[in-house]
Amino acid sequence: MAWASLILAGLCEVFGVSMMNRWVRDRRWTTMMLLAGGFALSFFCLSVAMKELPMGTAYAIWTGIGTAGGTLLGMWVYGESRNWKRVLFIVLILGSAVVLKAIA
């Protein structure tokens, strides 16, 4: 249950970041509500996961999902650079998350 909550927290973080990007272009109150809701749900799910997982592991994986997800979303949806170095470091972030799960 904790790992599912942690993954959901990371995905909500990515959603919140995407709403932040949308807010920059479109300042509607619904966008702000979605942004706040995405981050609020992300923090809630992270707190649920941290009841069973060590704080360092949970936080590292949560930020890894958010970082990798935000970067991938930027590349695929918003046309940001797909430089091989960016892709390499995303792979390193995800690989680190897998190792943290394996040793937790």
C-alpha atoms as a PDB file:
ATOM      1  CA  MET A   1       0.000   0.000   0.000  1.00  0.00           C
ATOM      2  CA  ALA A   2       2.826   2.409   0.851  1.00  0.00           C
ATOM      3  CA  TRP A   3       4.521   1.955  -2.519  1.00  0.00           C
ATOM      4  CA  ALA A   4       1.265   2.492  -4.413  1.00  0.00           C
ATOM      5  CA  SER A   5       0.654   5.639  -2.375  1.00  0.00           C
ATOM      6  CA  LEU A   6       4.180   6.843  -3.095  1.00  0.00           C
ATOM      7  CA  ILE A   7       3.823   6.275  -6.841  1.00  0.00           C
ATOM      8  CA  LEU A   8       0.469   8.076  -6.811  1.00  0.00           C
ATOM      9  CA  ALA A   9       2.106  10.947  -4.887  1.00  0.00           C
ATOM     10  CA  GLY A  10       4.768  11.230  -7.593  1.00  0.00           C
ATOM     11  CA  LEU A  11       2.199  11.187 -10.378  1.00  0.00           C
ATOM     12  CA  CYS A  12       0.165  13.885  -8.620  1.00  0.00           C
ATOM     13  CA  GLU A  13       3.370  15.918  -8.348  1.00  0.00           C
ATOM     14  CA  VAL A  14       3.823  15.651 -12.125  1.00  0.00           C
ATOM     15  CA  PHE A  15       0.191  16.693 -12.604  1.00  0.00           C
ATOM     16  CA  GLY A  16       0.739  19.705 -10.328  1.00  0.00           C
ATOM     17  CA  VAL A  17       3.814  20.748 -12.295  1.00  0.00           C
ATOM     18  CA  SER A  18       1.917  20.455 -15.568  1.00  0.00           C
ATOM     19  CA  MET A  19      -0.840  22.656 -14.121  1.00  0.00           C
ATOM     20  CA  MET A  20       1.839  25.142 -13.058  1.00  0.00           C
ATOM     21  CA  ASN A  21       2.993  25.332 -16.681  1.00  0.00           C
ATOM     22  CA  ARG A  22      -0.605  25.769 -17.784  1.00  0.00           C
ATOM     23  CA  TRP A  23      -1.114  28.523 -15.166  1.00  0.00           C
ATOM     24  CA  VAL A  24       1.730  30.524 -16.711  1.00  0.00           C
ATOM     25  CA  ARG A  25      -0.106  30.520 -20.043  1.00  0.00           C
ATOM     26  CA  ASP A  26      -3.727  30.522 -18.831  1.00  0.00           C
ATOM     27  CA  ARG A  27      -4.565  32.242 -15.551  1.00  0.00           C
ATOM     28  CA  ARG A  28      -7.995  30.748 -14.910  1.00  0.00           C
ATOM     29  CA  TRP A  29      -9.198  29.922 -11.429  1.00  0.00           C
ATOM     30  CA  THR A  30      -9.921  26.318 -12.480  1.00  0.00           C
ATOM     31  CA  THR A  31      -6.261  25.898 -13.433  1.00  0.00           C
ATOM     32  CA  MET A  32      -5.201  27.184 -10.009  1.00  0.00           C
ATOM     33  CA  MET A  33      -7.623  24.821  -8.285  1.00  0.00           C
ATOM     34  CA  LEU A  34      -6.251  21.863 -10.271  1.00  0.00           C
ATOM     35  CA  LEU A  35      -2.693  22.958  -9.452  1.00  0.00           C
ATOM     36  CA  ALA A  36      -3.440  23.232  -5.723  1.00  0.00           C
ATOM     37  CA  GLY A  37      -5.401  19.972  -5.751  1.00  0.00           C
ATOM     38  CA  GLY A  38      -2.615  18.087  -7.502  1.00  0.00           C
ATOM     39  CA  PHE A  39       0.009  19.235  -5.015  1.00  0.00           C
ATOM     40  CA  ALA A  40      -2.302  18.722  -2.011  1.00  0.00           C
ATOM     41  CA  LEU A  41      -3.080  15.152  -3.082  1.00  0.00           C
ATOM     42  CA  SER A  42       0.618  14.592  -3.727  1.00  0.00           C
ATOM     43  CA  PHE A  43       1.567  15.686  -0.197  1.00  0.00           C
ATOM     44  CA  PHE A  44      -1.247  13.630   1.314  1.00  0.00           C
ATOM     45  CA  CYS A  45      -0.207  10.466  -0.527  1.00  0.00           C
ATOM     46  CA  LEU A  46       3.434  11.099   0.418  1.00  0.00           C
ATOM     47  CA  SER A  47       2.463  11.376   4.079  1.00  0.00           C
ATOM     48  CA  VAL A  48       0.549   8.084   3.842  1.00  0.00           C
ATOM     49  CA  ALA A  49       3.566   6.374   2.274  1.00  0.00           C
ATOM     50  CA  MET A  50       5.900   7.735   4.956  1.00  0.00           C
ATOM     51  CA  LYS A  51       3.945   5.895   7.659  1.00  0.00           C
ATOM     52  CA  GLU A  52       5.538   2.669   6.401  1.00  0.00           C
ATOM     53  CA  LEU A  53       8.592   3.754   4.404  1.00  0.00           C
ATOM     54  CA  PRO A  54      11.709   5.510   5.664  1.00  0.00           C
ATOM     55  CA  MET A  55      11.571   9.264   5.108  1.00  0.00           C
ATOM     56  CA  GLY A  56      14.762   9.392   3.016  1.00  0.00           C
ATOM     57  CA  THR A  57      13.624   6.630   0.676  1.00  0.00           C
ATOM     58  CA  ALA A  58      10.097   7.997   0.291  1.00  0.00           C
ATOM     59  CA  TYR A  59      11.264  11.555  -0.340  1.00  0.00           C
ATOM     60  CA  ALA A  60      13.974  10.514  -2.805  1.00  0.00           C
ATOM     61  CA  ILE A  61      11.582   8.406  -4.852  1.00  0.00           C
ATOM     62  CA  TRP A  62       8.841  11.046  -4.717  1.00  0.00           C
ATOM     63  CA  THR A  63      11.181  13.749  -5.974  1.00  0.00           C
ATOM     64  CA  GLY A  64      12.641  11.353  -8.550  1.00  0.00           C
ATOM     65  CA  ILE A  65       9.219  10.594  -9.997  1.00  0.00           C
ATOM     66  CA  GLY A  66       8.384  14.303 -10.006  1.00  0.00           C
ATOM     67  CA  THR A  67      11.676  15.302 -11.618  1.00  0.00           C
ATOM     68  CA  ALA A  68      11.728  12.570 -14.238  1.00  0.00           C
ATOM     69  CA  GLY A  69       8.007  12.891 -14.937  1.00  0.00           C
ATOM     70  CA  GLY A  70       8.147  16.667 -15.268  1.00  0.00           C
ATOM     71  CA  THR A  71      11.149  16.488 -17.571  1.00  0.00           C
ATOM     72  CA  LEU A  72       9.615  13.769 -19.749  1.00  0.00           C
ATOM     73  CA  LEU A  73       6.325  15.665 -19.911  1.00  0.00           C
ATOM     74  CA  GLY A  74       8.225  18.778 -20.963  1.00  0.00           C
ATOM     75  CA  MET A  75      10.004  16.867 -23.721  1.00  0.00           C
ATOM     76  CA  TRP A  76       6.964  15.033 -25.071  1.00  0.00           C
ATOM     77  CA  VAL A  77       4.177  17.556 -24.605  1.00  0.00           C
ATOM     78  CA  TYR A  78       5.874  20.958 -24.570  1.00  0.00           C
ATOM     79  CA  GLY A  79       8.641  20.357 -27.100  1.00  0.00           C
ATOM     80  CA  GLU A  80      11.589  20.844 -24.747  1.00  0.00           C
ATOM     81  CA  SER A  81      15.038  19.609 -25.744  1.00  0.00           C
ATOM     82  CA  ARG A  82      15.527  15.841 -26.046  1.00  0.00           C
ATOM     83  CA  ASN A  83      19.277  16.045 -25.653  1.00  0.00           C
ATOM     84  CA  TRP A  84      20.881  12.662 -24.910  1.00  0.00           C
ATOM     85  CA  LYS A  85      22.385  14.063 -21.695  1.00  0.00           C
ATOM     86  CA  ARG A  86      18.937  14.887 -20.327  1.00  0.00           C
ATOM     87  CA  VAL A  87      17.731  11.393 -21.158  1.00  0.00           C
ATOM     88  CA  LEU A  88      20.838   9.838 -19.548  1.00  0.00           C
ATOM     89  CA  PHE A  89      20.278  11.666 -16.276  1.00  0.00           C
ATOM     90  CA  ILE A  90      16.569  10.758 -16.231  1.00  0.00           C
ATOM     91  CA  VAL A  91      17.620   7.121 -16.569  1.00  0.00           C
ATOM     92  CA  LEU A  92      20.047   7.617 -13.662  1.00  0.00           C
ATOM     93  CA  ILE A  93      17.279   9.122 -11.510  1.00  0.00           C
ATOM     94  CA  LEU A  94      14.918   6.252 -12.270  1.00  0.00           C
ATOM     95  CA  GLY A  95      17.686   3.691 -11.748  1.00  0.00           C
ATOM     96  CA  SER A  96      18.432   5.222  -8.353  1.00  0.00           C
ATOM     97  CA  ALA A  97      14.759   4.919  -7.397  1.00  0.00           C
ATOM     98  CA  VAL A  98      14.782   1.242  -8.340  1.00  0.00           C
ATOM     99  CA  VAL A  99      17.890   0.626  -6.196  1.00  0.00           C
ATOM    100  CA  LEU A 100      16.339   2.485  -3.260  1.00  0.00           C
ATOM    101  CA  LYS A 101      13.240   0.292  -3.521  1.00  0.00           C
ATOM    102  CA  ALA A 102      15.392  -2.821  -3.674  1.00  0.00           C
ATOM    103  CA  ILE A 103      17.275  -1.971  -0.476  1.00  0.00           C
ATOM    104  CA  ALA A 104      14.338  -0.463   1.476  1.00  0.00           C
END
